[in-house]
Amino acid sequence: REHPITTHSYYESYIARACEGEADVLSPGKPELIAMTSGTSNTPKLLPHIGDVSKNFFMRGVCVAFAVLDNEFPGAVDELQRSLKLTFRTAKGMTSGGLPIGSNSSSPDNRGFSSLLCAYSSPQAAYDISSEPEALYAHALFALKDRNLGIIEANFATLVCLFLDSMRENRRSLVQDIRNGHVWDRKPLEAGPPKELRDALDAALGGPDARRAEEVDSLLHPGATAASLWPNLKLVMTTDGGSFEASAVRMRELVGSSIPVYSPFYAATEGLLGVNIFPQRPFRSSSYLLDPQSMVFELLPTSWRCSEEIPRDAPVLPWEAEIGQTYEVIITTRGGLCRYRLGDIVRVVARLGKMPIVTVEERTTHFLPSLHGERVAEKVFQKALARVPLAKQIRGAVVVHSPQRLSG
């Protein structure tokens, strides 16, 4: 605990050396990828990504989540139903040292992704589409064609909302394509993806299906929920807490109240932080057991939230945290970040053994724009929005202004 509390700026010179191809900078060898954060809370940042992080995510995250699915959602794993996996190709560049640079989120570019296609409703050609709106349309088409769809999976609740809303908006085109067995019947050939992708999608559709087209049309026209479109749907897997709390209200309206929502992971570009082993929501919100073998955790009382200089002894160890209190997450990672301020605020709601079970509340830097110098945290706004009827009509809201005083 003699090491100082750090932020991303502390590592910028080290990351620059790694980008130039230098080995053994923050971790042994060279990183597999220079990962780019999503930038939802600020300007995207670069972080070296090592293979051990991905392996750990699979072993201690994915495998545990599948066990939870098997135990808590009967038939979700062992029945022959396909899942809708909403993920898209991500653009990747190269650093001056020859390392790939881009997102490290799950995508069709991942090794082994093609071996999972047998479990997904969409064919490879849908994941090969570079345009996200066109890919979303293709995923909607194949999901609607499969009346026996079992799971909808997406990283965030906002994407589930976008998907289900876009189905309603494109009802006529989707119904026509299912009826004729031909994708983008209402779009000129030159306006869509390359012909080889369209031909592959047509082949995967398996021909016309007038009966399913009529059923989809009769359901989508009045705005049916996902539960009605797919009568055997078991659950939706997506992140629905923290900044996505308001989005989750709209998602519930679109999915239907009978379908459970399971948020399996608490994760970031830096790696796996926790796993949700309580899908029945005993703490009302999605909660996660912090995993002590994925990272070293410390928790900083939120009284230090707005401070740049943090005393080295200010954070507490996980088993010292008080149940019911909120903390900023400090991590030491497999990739070489030491006592790093992740930027998340969590609430400790329980403990399993010595490790905390937490709910994700908000980002440390998210405040509403101020007119009179007050600092209103984003969480206050998200909770208020989630409780009003408007939340059922919008896909969510984000803070788009930095926490500075507005003129006037």
Foldseek 3Di string as FASTA:
>chain_A
DPDFADAPVVCVVLVLCLLQPDAPRQAGGHAQEFAWFPQQQHHIDTAGHHPVQVVCCCVVFVVVLVVLCVVPFPPLPPPLAAELEDAEDWDWDGGNNGHIYYHPDDACPDPPNQVCQSRHQAHPLLRVFHDNVQSLLLSLLSVLLRLQHAEYEDAALLVLLVSLVVCLVCLVQSLVCQQFLFHPPVDDQVVDDDPVSRVVSSVSSPGHDNVSSVLSNVQSPVQHALCSSRVNYRAYEYDCAAQNVLLVLQSCLRHDVVHFYAHAFDATSLHGFFGQSPSVPPVVHGKTWGDCVFWAKWWAACVCLPPPGDPPPRTHGQLPDDAQGKTFIFTQGNSRDHRYGPQWIWGFHQHDPRTTMTGTHYGSFAFAAAAPPDTHHVSVVSVVSNPDPVSNVDSGDGHDDGHDHDDD
